[in-house]
């Protein structure tokens, strides 16, 4: 059986401000992953999560 535990795993998702990249980043965050997005930041300088 596989585990969805991503606690303390460092991830980087490209294209995380829209579409499938955004959904992937959200899913990984919900599984406990940490990291940042590899996309252009929003106007306020943050990734849109």
PDB file of N, CA and C in Angstrom:
ATOM      1  N   UNK A   1       0.847  -1.168   0.000  1.00  0.00           N
ATOM      2  CA  UNK A   1       0.000   0.000   0.000  1.00  0.00           C
ATOM      3  C   UNK A   1       0.897   1.236   0.000  1.00  0.00           C
ATOM      4  N   UNK A   2       0.503   2.261  -0.745  1.00  0.00           N
ATOM      5  CA  UNK A   2       1.272   3.499  -0.773  1.00  0.00           C
ATOM      6  C   UNK A   2       0.710   4.488   0.232  1.00  0.00           C
ATOM      7  N   UNK A   3       1.559   5.380   0.666  1.00  0.00           N
ATOM      8  CA  UNK A   3       1.170   6.385   1.648  1.00  0.00           C
ATOM      9  C   UNK A   3       1.108   7.755   0.982  1.00  0.00           C
ATOM     10  N   UNK A   4       0.142   8.571   1.382  1.00  0.00           N
ATOM     11  CA  UNK A   4       0.044   9.934   0.889  1.00  0.00           C
ATOM     12  C   UNK A   4       0.674  10.923   1.852  1.00  0.00           C
ATOM     13  N   UNK A   5       1.508  10.448   2.767  1.00  0.00           N
ATOM     14  CA  UNK A   5       2.135  11.312   3.743  1.00  0.00           C
ATOM     15  C   UNK A   5       3.329  12.027   3.120  1.00  0.00           C
ATOM     16  N   UNK A   6       3.198  13.324   2.938  1.00  0.00           N
ATOM     17  CA  UNK A   6       4.278  14.136   2.393  1.00  0.00           C
ATOM     18  C   UNK A   6       4.843  15.061   3.461  1.00  0.00           C
ATOM     19  N   UNK A   7       4.589  14.747   4.735  1.00  0.00           N
ATOM     20  CA  UNK A   7       5.016  15.584   5.848  1.00  0.00           C
ATOM     21  C   UNK A   7       6.510  15.859   5.772  1.00  0.00           C
ATOM     22  N   UNK A   8       6.863  17.151   5.783  1.00  0.00           N
ATOM     23  CA  UNK A   8       8.242  17.635   5.748  1.00  0.00           C
ATOM     24  C   UNK A   8       8.987  17.304   4.457  1.00  0.00           C
ATOM     25  N   UNK A   9       8.285  16.933   3.406  1.00  0.00           N
ATOM     26  CA  UNK A   9       8.931  16.750   2.103  1.00  0.00           C
ATOM     27  C   UNK A   9       8.987  18.108   1.424  1.00  0.00           C
ATOM     28  N   UNK A  10      10.102  18.419   0.829  1.00  0.00           N
ATOM     29  CA  UNK A  10      10.279  19.681   0.129  1.00  0.00           C
ATOM     30  C   UNK A  10       9.881  19.482  -1.328  1.00  0.00           C
ATOM     31  N   UNK A  11       8.946  20.279  -1.800  1.00  0.00           N
ATOM     32  CA  UNK A  11       8.470  20.153  -3.179  1.00  0.00           C
ATOM     33  C   UNK A  11       8.537  21.497  -3.887  1.00  0.00           C
ATOM     34  N   UNK A  12       8.604  21.436  -5.204  1.00  0.00           N
ATOM     35  CA  UNK A  12       8.502  22.643  -6.026  1.00  0.00           C
ATOM     36  C   UNK A  12       7.593  22.302  -7.185  1.00  0.00           C
ATOM     37  N   UNK A  13       6.538  23.087  -7.332  1.00  0.00           N
ATOM     38  CA  UNK A  13       5.570  22.862  -8.393  1.00  0.00           C
ATOM     39  C   UNK A  13       5.653  24.033  -9.361  1.00  0.00           C
ATOM     40  N   UNK A  14       5.927  23.733 -10.613  1.00  0.00           N
ATOM     41  CA  UNK A  14       5.948  24.795 -11.617  1.00  0.00           C
ATOM     42  C   UNK A  14       4.529  25.035 -12.112  1.00  0.00           C
ATOM     43  N   UNK A  15       4.242  26.252 -12.467  1.00  0.00           N
ATOM     44  CA  UNK A  15       2.909  26.596 -12.948  1.00  0.00           C
ATOM     45  C   UNK A  15       1.855  26.520 -11.865  1.00  0.00           C
ATOM     46  N   UNK A  16       2.227  26.857 -10.631  1.00  0.00           N
ATOM     47  CA  UNK A  16       1.335  26.665  -9.486  1.00  0.00           C
ATOM     48  C   UNK A  16       0.340  27.795  -9.264  1.00  0.00           C
ATOM     49  N   UNK A  17       0.252  28.740 -10.189  1.00  0.00           N
ATOM     50  CA  UNK A  17      -0.708  29.823 -10.004  1.00  0.00           C
ATOM     51  C   UNK A  17      -2.025  29.574 -10.722  1.00  0.00           C
ATOM     52  N   UNK A  18      -2.095  28.515 -11.532  1.00  0.00           N
ATOM     53  CA  UNK A  18      -3.339  28.237 -12.254  1.00  0.00           C
ATOM     54  C   UNK A  18      -3.383  26.785 -12.718  1.00  0.00           C
ATOM     55  N   UNK A  19      -4.575  26.331 -13.024  1.00  0.00           N
ATOM     56  CA  UNK A  19      -4.759  25.028 -13.645  1.00  0.00           C
ATOM     57  C   UNK A  19      -4.300  23.850 -12.800  1.00  0.00           C
ATOM     58  N   UNK A  20      -3.753  22.853 -13.497  1.00  0.00           N
ATOM     59  CA  UNK A  20      -3.357  21.612 -12.829  1.00  0.00           C
ATOM     60  C   UNK A  20      -2.193  21.840 -11.861  1.00  0.00           C
ATOM     61  N   UNK A  21      -1.323  22.798 -12.160  1.00  0.00           N
ATOM     62  CA  UNK A  21      -0.231  23.108 -11.236  1.00  0.00           C
ATOM     63  C   UNK A  21      -0.744  23.624  -9.905  1.00  0.00           C
ATOM     64  N   UNK A  22      -1.776  24.463  -9.955  1.00  0.00           N
ATOM     65  CA  UNK A  22      -2.378  25.002  -8.734  1.00  0.00           C
ATOM     66  C   UNK A  22      -3.043  23.884  -7.927  1.00  0.00           C
ATOM     67  N   UNK A  23      -3.763  23.015  -8.608  1.00  0.00           N
ATOM     68  CA  UNK A  23      -4.425  21.907  -7.922  1.00  0.00           C
ATOM     69  C   UNK A  23      -3.403  20.943  -7.315  1.00  0.00           C
ATOM     70  N   UNK A  24      -2.318  20.710  -8.029  1.00  0.00           N
ATOM     71  CA  UNK A  24      -1.251  19.838  -7.521  1.00  0.00           C
ATOM     72  C   UNK A  24      -0.608  20.448  -6.280  1.00  0.00           C
ATOM     73  N   UNK A  25      -0.310  21.737  -6.322  1.00  0.00           N
ATOM     74  CA  UNK A  25       0.296  22.412  -5.173  1.00  0.00           C
ATOM     75  C   UNK A  25      -0.622  22.338  -3.958  1.00  0.00           C
ATOM     76  N   UNK A  26      -1.908  22.548  -4.168  1.00  0.00           N
ATOM     77  CA  UNK A  26      -2.864  22.467  -3.055  1.00  0.00           C
ATOM     78  C   UNK A  26      -2.925  21.060  -2.479  1.00  0.00           C
ATOM     79  N   UNK A  27      -2.956  20.062  -3.346  1.00  0.00           N
ATOM     80  CA  UNK A  27      -3.028  18.668  -2.872  1.00  0.00           C
ATOM     81  C   UNK A  27      -1.776  18.301  -2.079  1.00  0.00           C
ATOM     82  N   UNK A  28      -0.619  18.693  -2.571  1.00  0.00           N
ATOM     83  CA  UNK A  28       0.629  18.402  -1.852  1.00  0.00           C
ATOM     84  C   UNK A  28       0.675  19.113  -0.508  1.00  0.00           C
ATOM     85  N   UNK A  29       0.184  20.345  -0.468  1.00  0.00           N
ATOM     86  CA  UNK A  29       0.144  21.087   0.788  1.00  0.00           C
ATOM     87  C   UNK A  29      -0.770  20.384   1.796  1.00  0.00           C
ATOM     88  N   UNK A  30      -1.908  19.901   1.332  1.00  0.00           N
ATOM     89  CA  UNK A  30      -2.843  19.198   2.217  1.00  0.00           C
ATOM     90  C   UNK A  30      -2.255  17.900   2.747  1.00  0.00           C
ATOM     91  N   UNK A  31      -1.307  17.310   1.984  1.00  0.00           N
ATOM     92  CA  UNK A  31      -0.643  16.082   2.432  1.00  0.00           C
ATOM     93  C   UNK A  31       0.541  16.364   3.335  1.00  0.00           C
ATOM     94  N   UNK A  32       0.829  17.640   3.604  1.00  0.00           N
ATOM     95  CA  UNK A  32       1.890  17.988   4.540  1.00  0.00           C
ATOM     96  C   UNK A  32       3.190  18.431   3.909  1.00  0.00           C
ATOM     97  N   UNK A  33       3.234  18.544   2.587  1.00  0.00           N
ATOM     98  CA  UNK A  33       4.466  18.965   1.920  1.00  0.00           C
ATOM     99  C   UNK A  33       4.714  20.444   2.173  1.00  0.00           C
ATOM    100  N   UNK A  34       5.965  20.821   2.064  1.00  0.00           N
ATOM    101  CA  UNK A  34       6.321  22.222   2.176  1.00  0.00           C
ATOM    102  C   UNK A  34       7.149  22.585   0.954  1.00  0.00           C
ATOM    103  N   UNK A  35       7.189  23.850   0.635  1.00  0.00           N
ATOM    104  CA  UNK A  35       7.964  24.277  -0.515  1.00  0.00           C
ATOM    105  C   UNK A  35       7.444  25.573  -1.069  1.00  0.00           C
ATOM    106  N   UNK A  36       7.678  25.766  -2.338  1.00  0.00           N
ATOM    107  CA  UNK A  36       7.311  27.011  -2.989  1.00  0.00           C
ATOM    108  C   UNK A  36       6.870  26.698  -4.401  1.00  0.00           C
ATOM    109  N   UNK A  37       6.277  27.695  -5.026  1.00  0.00           N
ATOM    110  CA  UNK A  37       5.846  27.505  -6.401  1.00  0.00           C
ATOM    111  C   UNK A  37       6.884  28.065  -7.356  1.00  0.00           C
ATOM    112  N   UNK A  38       7.009  27.428  -8.477  1.00  0.00           N
ATOM    113  CA  UNK A  38       7.921  27.895  -9.504  1.00  0.00           C
ATOM    114  C   UNK A  38       7.151  28.604 -10.597  1.00  0.00           C
ATOM    115  N   UNK A  39       6.538  29.710 -10.246  1.00  0.00           N
ATOM    116  CA  UNK A  39       5.721  30.472 -11.180  1.00  0.00           C
ATOM    117  C   UNK A  39       5.972  31.950 -10.966  1.00  0.00           C
ATOM    118  N   UNK A  40       5.446  32.736 -11.858  1.00  0.00           N
ATOM    119  CA  UNK A  40       5.528  34.164 -11.643  1.00  0.00           C
ATOM    120  C   UNK A  40       4.632  34.522 -10.479  1.00  0.00           C
ATOM    121  N   UNK A  41       5.116  35.360  -9.578  1.00  0.00           N
ATOM    122  CA  UNK A  41       4.298  35.743  -8.420  1.00  0.00           C
ATOM    123  C   UNK A  41       3.139  36.639  -8.833  1.00  0.00           C
ATOM    124  N   UNK A  42       2.141  36.700  -7.986  1.00  0.00           N
ATOM    125  CA  UNK A  42       1.021  37.596  -8.214  1.00  0.00           C
ATOM    126  C   UNK A  42       1.469  39.024  -7.966  1.00  0.00           C
ATOM    127  N   UNK A  43       0.588  39.982  -8.139  1.00  0.00           N
ATOM    128  CA  UNK A  43       0.959  41.387  -7.978  1.00  0.00           C
ATOM    129  C   UNK A  43       1.451  41.715  -6.575  1.00  0.00           C
ATOM    130  N   UNK A  44       0.977  40.975  -5.575  1.00  0.00           N
ATOM    131  CA  UNK A  44       1.437  41.244  -4.211  1.00  0.00           C
ATOM    132  C   UNK A  44       2.724  40.494  -3.870  1.00  0.00           C
ATOM    133  N   UNK A  45       3.303  39.808  -4.871  1.00  0.00           N
ATOM    134  CA  UNK A  45       4.600  39.155  -4.675  1.00  0.00           C
ATOM    135  C   UNK A  45       4.539  37.750  -4.115  1.00  0.00           C
ATOM    136  N   UNK A  46       3.342  37.216  -3.945  1.00  0.00           N
ATOM    137  CA  UNK A  46       3.195  35.867  -3.395  1.00  0.00           C
ATOM    138  C   UNK A  46       2.648  34.928  -4.455  1.00  0.00           C
ATOM    139  N   UNK A  47       2.790  33.653  -4.197  1.00  0.00           N
ATOM    140  CA  UNK A  47       2.169  32.660  -5.064  1.00  0.00           C
ATOM    141  C   UNK A  47       0.689  32.566  -4.695  1.00  0.00           C
ATOM    142  N   UNK A  48      -0.141  32.424  -5.678  1.00  0.00           N
ATOM    143  CA  UNK A  48      -1.582  32.304  -5.445  1.00  0.00           C
ATOM    144  C   UNK A  48      -1.890  30.875  -5.061  1.00  0.00           C
ATOM    145  N   UNK A  49      -2.151  30.638  -3.796  1.00  0.00           N
ATOM    146  CA  UNK A  49      -2.406  29.263  -3.315  1.00  0.00           C
ATOM    147  C   UNK A  49      -3.834  29.107  -2.909  1.00  0.00           C
TER     148      UNK A  49
END
